[in-house]
Amino acid sequence: MSDQEADTGRIKESAKTLTRIHRDFEGNSNPADDMGVGTLGSSELVDVFEDFGSNWKIHRERLMEELEKLAKVLTQAGKAYDAIDHALAEALRNADKKADARKDAKKKAPK
């Protein structure tokens, strides 16, 4: 039997962090939106930022999807590890109770 250990606190915190990152990505569009020649200085630069904005939107949406999936997986993993830990602890407590009951029964049994 191998000793495996999972840091459920770290797993849960990672899920929360990914959720925050997802929320930040959701609220941040192209930083050059609404900037024209007057702000950026040339129409070529405006075109570059428009291209960047289109690519950024596509890649940001894909990244957001992956962040959301990973956050859900980590949340479920944290819950599953906690449930397994609780079930194992309960099984050990029950095994101890049964062992104690057998010891008591042997002590009380006539010789």
N, C-alpha and C. Protein backbone atom coordinates (compact mmCIF):
# COMPACT_ATOMS: atom_id res chain seq x y z
N MET A 1 0.85 -1.17 0.00
CA MET A 1 0.00 0.00 0.00
C MET A 1 0.90 1.24 0.00
N SER A 2 0.65 2.15 -0.89
CA SER A 2 1.47 3.36 -0.95
C SER A 2 0.78 4.50 -0.22
N ASP A 3 1.59 5.36 0.33
CA ASP A 3 1.05 6.54 1.01
C ASP A 3 0.93 7.66 0.00
N GLN A 4 -0.28 8.04 -0.29
CA GLN A 4 -0.53 9.15 -1.22
C GLN A 4 -1.07 10.31 -0.41
N GLU A 5 -0.69 11.50 -0.81
CA GLU A 5 -1.14 12.68 -0.10
C GLU A 5 -1.56 13.74 -1.11
N ALA A 6 -2.68 14.35 -0.85
CA ALA A 6 -3.16 15.44 -1.71
C ALA A 6 -3.39 16.65 -0.82
N ASP A 7 -2.87 17.78 -1.22
CA ASP A 7 -3.07 19.02 -0.48
C ASP A 7 -4.37 19.64 -0.96
N THR A 8 -5.47 19.26 -0.30
CA THR A 8 -6.78 19.72 -0.76
C THR A 8 -6.92 21.23 -0.63
N GLY A 9 -6.26 21.81 0.36
CA GLY A 9 -6.30 23.27 0.49
C GLY A 9 -5.69 23.95 -0.71
N ARG A 10 -4.57 23.41 -1.17
CA ARG A 10 -3.90 23.99 -2.34
C ARG A 10 -4.74 23.76 -3.60
N ILE A 11 -5.35 22.60 -3.71
CA ILE A 11 -6.21 22.31 -4.87
C ILE A 11 -7.38 23.30 -4.92
N LYS A 12 -8.02 23.51 -3.78
CA LYS A 12 -9.16 24.43 -3.72
C LYS A 12 -8.73 25.87 -4.00
N GLU A 13 -7.59 26.27 -3.45
CA GLU A 13 -7.08 27.62 -3.69
C GLU A 13 -6.73 27.82 -5.16
N SER A 14 -6.18 26.79 -5.78
CA SER A 14 -5.86 26.86 -7.22
C SER A 14 -7.14 27.05 -8.03
N ALA A 15 -8.19 26.34 -7.66
CA ALA A 15 -9.46 26.49 -8.36
C ALA A 15 -9.99 27.92 -8.24
N LYS A 16 -9.89 28.49 -7.04
CA LYS A 16 -10.34 29.87 -6.82
C LYS A 16 -9.49 30.85 -7.64
N THR A 17 -8.18 30.61 -7.67
CA THR A 17 -7.29 31.49 -8.42
C THR A 17 -7.61 31.45 -9.91
N LEU A 18 -7.83 30.25 -10.44
CA LEU A 18 -8.18 30.12 -11.86
C LEU A 18 -9.51 30.81 -12.15
N THR A 19 -10.44 30.73 -11.23
CA THR A 19 -11.73 31.41 -11.41
C THR A 19 -11.52 32.92 -11.45
N ARG A 20 -10.64 33.45 -10.58
CA ARG A 20 -10.35 34.89 -10.60
C ARG A 20 -9.68 35.29 -11.91
N ILE A 21 -8.73 34.48 -12.37
CA ILE A 21 -8.05 34.77 -13.64
C ILE A 21 -9.06 34.78 -14.78
N HIS A 22 -9.97 33.81 -14.77
CA HIS A 22 -11.01 33.75 -15.79
C HIS A 22 -11.84 35.03 -15.78
N ARG A 23 -12.22 35.47 -14.60
CA ARG A 23 -13.02 36.69 -14.47
C ARG A 23 -12.24 37.90 -14.98
N ASP A 24 -10.94 37.95 -14.68
CA ASP A 24 -10.12 39.06 -15.17
C ASP A 24 -10.04 39.06 -16.70
N PHE A 25 -9.85 37.88 -17.28
CA PHE A 25 -9.79 37.79 -18.74
C PHE A 25 -11.12 38.20 -19.36
N GLU A 26 -12.20 37.83 -18.70
CA GLU A 26 -13.53 38.14 -19.22
C GLU A 26 -13.74 39.64 -19.31
N GLY A 27 -13.19 40.39 -18.36
CA GLY A 27 -13.41 41.82 -18.32
C GLY A 27 -12.39 42.64 -19.10
N ASN A 28 -11.36 42.00 -19.63
CA ASN A 28 -10.30 42.75 -20.32
C ASN A 28 -10.31 42.45 -21.81
N SER A 29 -10.79 43.39 -22.55
CA SER A 29 -10.77 43.24 -24.00
C SER A 29 -9.50 43.89 -24.54
N ASN A 30 -9.47 44.16 -25.81
CA ASN A 30 -8.31 44.78 -26.45
C ASN A 30 -8.03 46.12 -25.77
N PRO A 31 -6.82 46.31 -25.23
CA PRO A 31 -6.52 47.57 -24.55
C PRO A 31 -6.53 48.78 -25.47
N ALA A 32 -6.46 48.56 -26.76
CA ALA A 32 -6.44 49.68 -27.71
C ALA A 32 -7.82 49.99 -28.28
N ASP A 33 -8.85 49.34 -27.78
CA ASP A 33 -10.21 49.67 -28.26
C ASP A 33 -10.48 51.16 -28.07
N ASP A 34 -11.16 51.71 -29.01
CA ASP A 34 -11.56 53.12 -28.98
C ASP A 34 -10.37 54.08 -29.10
N MET A 35 -9.22 53.58 -29.52
CA MET A 35 -8.08 54.46 -29.76
C MET A 35 -7.91 54.62 -31.26
N GLY A 36 -7.88 55.83 -31.69
CA GLY A 36 -7.73 56.10 -33.11
C GLY A 36 -6.38 56.70 -33.42
N VAL A 37 -6.28 57.29 -34.62
CA VAL A 37 -5.04 57.90 -35.10
C VAL A 37 -4.60 59.02 -34.14
N GLY A 38 -5.57 59.74 -33.59
CA GLY A 38 -5.23 60.84 -32.68
C GLY A 38 -4.50 60.35 -31.44
N THR A 39 -4.82 59.18 -30.98
CA THR A 39 -4.19 58.63 -29.78
C THR A 39 -2.94 57.83 -30.12
N LEU A 40 -3.04 56.99 -31.17
CA LEU A 40 -1.94 56.08 -31.49
C LEU A 40 -0.91 56.70 -32.44
N GLY A 41 -1.29 57.72 -33.16
CA GLY A 41 -0.32 58.43 -33.98
C GLY A 41 -0.31 58.09 -35.45
N SER A 42 -0.76 56.90 -35.84
CA SER A 42 -0.77 56.58 -37.28
C SER A 42 -1.85 55.54 -37.56
N SER A 43 -2.33 55.55 -38.80
CA SER A 43 -3.37 54.59 -39.19
C SER A 43 -2.81 53.18 -39.24
N GLU A 44 -1.50 53.06 -39.55
CA GLU A 44 -0.88 51.72 -39.56
C GLU A 44 -0.90 51.10 -38.16
N LEU A 45 -0.61 51.90 -37.18
CA LEU A 45 -0.63 51.41 -35.80
C LEU A 45 -2.05 51.06 -35.37
N VAL A 46 -3.01 51.85 -35.82
CA VAL A 46 -4.42 51.53 -35.54
C VAL A 46 -4.75 50.17 -36.14
N ASP A 47 -4.32 49.92 -37.39
CA ASP A 47 -4.57 48.63 -38.05
C ASP A 47 -3.93 47.48 -37.28
N VAL A 48 -2.70 47.68 -36.82
CA VAL A 48 -2.01 46.63 -36.05
C VAL A 48 -2.78 46.32 -34.78
N PHE A 49 -3.24 47.34 -34.08
CA PHE A 49 -4.00 47.11 -32.85
C PHE A 49 -5.35 46.46 -33.13
N GLU A 50 -5.96 46.77 -34.26
CA GLU A 50 -7.22 46.12 -34.62
C GLU A 50 -7.00 44.64 -34.88
N ASP A 51 -5.90 44.31 -35.61
CA ASP A 51 -5.56 42.91 -35.84
C ASP A 51 -5.29 42.19 -34.52
N PHE A 52 -4.49 42.86 -33.68
CA PHE A 52 -4.20 42.29 -32.38
C PHE A 52 -5.49 42.04 -31.60
N GLY A 53 -6.38 43.00 -31.63
CA GLY A 53 -7.64 42.88 -30.90
C GLY A 53 -8.45 41.68 -31.37
N SER A 54 -8.49 41.46 -32.68
CA SER A 54 -9.23 40.31 -33.23
C SER A 54 -8.60 39.00 -32.78
N ASN A 55 -7.27 38.91 -32.90
CA ASN A 55 -6.57 37.70 -32.46
C ASN A 55 -6.68 37.50 -30.95
N TRP A 56 -6.52 38.59 -30.23
CA TRP A 56 -6.60 38.52 -28.77
C TRP A 56 -7.96 38.01 -28.34
N LYS A 57 -9.02 38.48 -28.99
CA LYS A 57 -10.37 38.05 -28.62
C LYS A 57 -10.52 36.55 -28.82
N ILE A 58 -10.04 36.03 -29.94
CA ILE A 58 -10.14 34.59 -30.22
C ILE A 58 -9.35 33.79 -29.19
N HIS A 59 -8.09 34.17 -29.00
CA HIS A 59 -7.24 33.43 -28.07
C HIS A 59 -7.69 33.60 -26.62
N ARG A 60 -8.16 34.77 -26.28
CA ARG A 60 -8.66 35.00 -24.92
C ARG A 60 -9.86 34.12 -24.64
N GLU A 61 -10.77 34.00 -25.60
CA GLU A 61 -11.96 33.17 -25.41
C GLU A 61 -11.58 31.70 -25.24
N ARG A 62 -10.62 31.24 -26.05
CA ARG A 62 -10.16 29.85 -25.90
C ARG A 62 -9.51 29.63 -24.54
N LEU A 63 -8.68 30.57 -24.16
CA LEU A 63 -8.01 30.47 -22.87
C LEU A 63 -9.02 30.50 -21.73
N MET A 64 -10.02 31.35 -21.84
CA MET A 64 -11.05 31.43 -20.82
C MET A 64 -11.80 30.11 -20.69
N GLU A 65 -12.08 29.46 -21.81
CA GLU A 65 -12.75 28.16 -21.77
C GLU A 65 -11.90 27.14 -21.02
N GLU A 66 -10.61 27.13 -21.30
CA GLU A 66 -9.71 26.19 -20.65
C GLU A 66 -9.56 26.50 -19.16
N LEU A 67 -9.49 27.78 -18.82
CA LEU A 67 -9.41 28.17 -17.41
C LEU A 67 -10.66 27.71 -16.66
N GLU A 68 -11.80 27.91 -17.28
CA GLU A 68 -13.06 27.51 -16.64
C GLU A 68 -13.11 26.00 -16.44
N LYS A 69 -12.70 25.23 -17.45
CA LYS A 69 -12.70 23.77 -17.34
C LYS A 69 -11.76 23.31 -16.23
N LEU A 70 -10.57 23.87 -16.21
CA LEU A 70 -9.59 23.47 -15.20
C LEU A 70 -10.05 23.85 -13.80
N ALA A 71 -10.66 25.00 -13.65
CA ALA A 71 -11.18 25.41 -12.34
C ALA A 71 -12.25 24.44 -11.87
N LYS A 72 -13.11 23.99 -12.78
CA LYS A 72 -14.16 23.03 -12.41
C LYS A 72 -13.55 21.68 -12.02
N VAL A 73 -12.54 21.24 -12.78
CA VAL A 73 -11.89 19.97 -12.47
C VAL A 73 -11.24 20.03 -11.09
N LEU A 74 -10.55 21.12 -10.80
CA LEU A 74 -9.89 21.27 -9.50
C LEU A 74 -10.91 21.35 -8.37
N THR A 75 -12.00 22.04 -8.59
CA THR A 75 -13.06 22.12 -7.58
C THR A 75 -13.61 20.74 -7.29
N GLN A 76 -13.91 19.98 -8.33
CA GLN A 76 -14.43 18.62 -8.16
C GLN A 76 -13.40 17.71 -7.50
N ALA A 77 -12.13 17.87 -7.87
CA ALA A 77 -11.07 17.05 -7.27
C ALA A 77 -10.96 17.34 -5.78
N GLY A 78 -10.99 18.60 -5.40
CA GLY A 78 -10.93 18.96 -3.99
C GLY A 78 -12.07 18.36 -3.20
N LYS A 79 -13.27 18.43 -3.75
CA LYS A 79 -14.44 17.84 -3.08
C LYS A 79 -14.31 16.32 -2.99
N ALA A 80 -13.84 15.71 -4.08
CA ALA A 80 -13.69 14.24 -4.08
C ALA A 80 -12.65 13.79 -3.07
N TYR A 81 -11.51 14.48 -3.01
CA TYR A 81 -10.49 14.12 -2.03
C TYR A 81 -11.02 14.27 -0.61
N ASP A 82 -11.76 15.34 -0.35
CA ASP A 82 -12.34 15.52 0.98
C ASP A 82 -13.32 14.40 1.31
N ALA A 83 -14.15 14.02 0.35
CA ALA A 83 -15.12 12.95 0.57
C ALA A 83 -14.42 11.62 0.83
N ILE A 84 -13.37 11.33 0.06
CA ILE A 84 -12.61 10.09 0.25
C ILE A 84 -11.95 10.10 1.63
N ASP A 85 -11.34 11.22 1.98
CA ASP A 85 -10.68 11.34 3.28
C ASP A 85 -11.67 11.11 4.42
N HIS A 86 -12.84 11.72 4.29
CA HIS A 86 -13.88 11.55 5.32
C HIS A 86 -14.32 10.08 5.40
N ALA A 87 -14.54 9.45 4.25
CA ALA A 87 -14.98 8.05 4.24
C ALA A 87 -13.91 7.13 4.83
N LEU A 88 -12.66 7.37 4.50
CA LEU A 88 -11.58 6.55 5.06
C LEU A 88 -11.45 6.74 6.57
N ALA A 89 -11.55 7.97 7.02
CA ALA A 89 -11.49 8.24 8.46
C ALA A 89 -12.63 7.55 9.18
N GLU A 90 -13.80 7.60 8.61
CA GLU A 90 -14.97 6.94 9.21
C GLU A 90 -14.78 5.43 9.25
N ALA A 91 -14.24 4.87 8.18
CA ALA A 91 -13.99 3.42 8.14
C ALA A 91 -12.97 3.02 9.20
N LEU A 92 -11.94 3.83 9.38
CA LEU A 92 -10.95 3.53 10.43
C LEU A 92 -11.55 3.63 11.82
N ARG A 93 -12.39 4.63 12.04
CA ARG A 93 -13.06 4.74 13.35
C ARG A 93 -13.94 3.52 13.61
N ASN A 94 -14.68 3.09 12.61
CA ASN A 94 -15.55 1.91 12.76
C ASN A 94 -14.73 0.65 12.99
N ALA A 95 -13.60 0.53 12.31
CA ALA A 95 -12.74 -0.64 12.50
C ALA A 95 -12.19 -0.65 13.92
N ASP A 96 -11.80 0.51 14.45
CA ASP A 96 -11.31 0.59 15.82
C ASP A 96 -12.40 0.20 16.81
N LYS A 97 -13.62 0.67 16.56
CA LYS A 97 -14.74 0.33 17.45
C LYS A 97 -14.99 -1.17 17.46
N LYS A 98 -14.94 -1.79 16.27
CA LYS A 98 -15.17 -3.24 16.18
C LYS A 98 -14.05 -4.00 16.88
N ALA A 99 -12.82 -3.55 16.72
CA ALA A 99 -11.69 -4.20 17.37
C ALA A 99 -11.82 -4.09 18.89
N ASP A 100 -12.21 -2.91 19.36
CA ASP A 100 -12.41 -2.72 20.80
C ASP A 100 -13.54 -3.61 21.32
N ALA A 101 -14.60 -3.73 20.53
CA ALA A 101 -15.74 -4.57 20.94
C ALA A 101 -15.31 -6.03 21.02
N ARG A 102 -14.47 -6.50 20.10
CA ARG A 102 -13.99 -7.89 20.14
C ARG A 102 -13.11 -8.12 21.37
N LYS A 103 -12.27 -7.14 21.67
CA LYS A 103 -11.41 -7.26 22.86
C LYS A 103 -12.25 -7.35 24.12
N ASP A 104 -13.28 -6.48 24.20
CA ASP A 104 -14.17 -6.50 25.36
C ASP A 104 -14.89 -7.83 25.47
N ALA A 105 -15.33 -8.36 24.34
CA ALA A 105 -16.06 -9.63 24.34
C ALA A 105 -15.15 -10.77 24.81
N LYS A 106 -13.90 -10.75 24.41
CA LYS A 106 -12.94 -11.80 24.83
C LYS A 106 -12.69 -11.72 26.33
N LYS A 107 -12.62 -10.50 26.85
CA LYS A 107 -12.37 -10.32 28.29
C LYS A 107 -13.54 -10.84 29.11
N LYS A 108 -14.73 -10.66 28.59
CA LYS A 108 -15.94 -11.05 29.32
C LYS A 108 -16.31 -12.51 29.12
N ALA A 109 -15.72 -13.13 28.12
CA ALA A 109 -16.07 -14.53 27.80
C ALA A 109 -15.57 -15.45 28.93
N PRO A 110 -16.39 -16.46 29.29
CA PRO A 110 -15.96 -17.39 30.32
C PRO A 110 -14.78 -18.23 29.84
N LYS A 111 -13.89 -18.58 30.76
CA LYS A 111 -12.71 -19.35 30.40
C LYS A 111 -12.86 -20.78 30.76
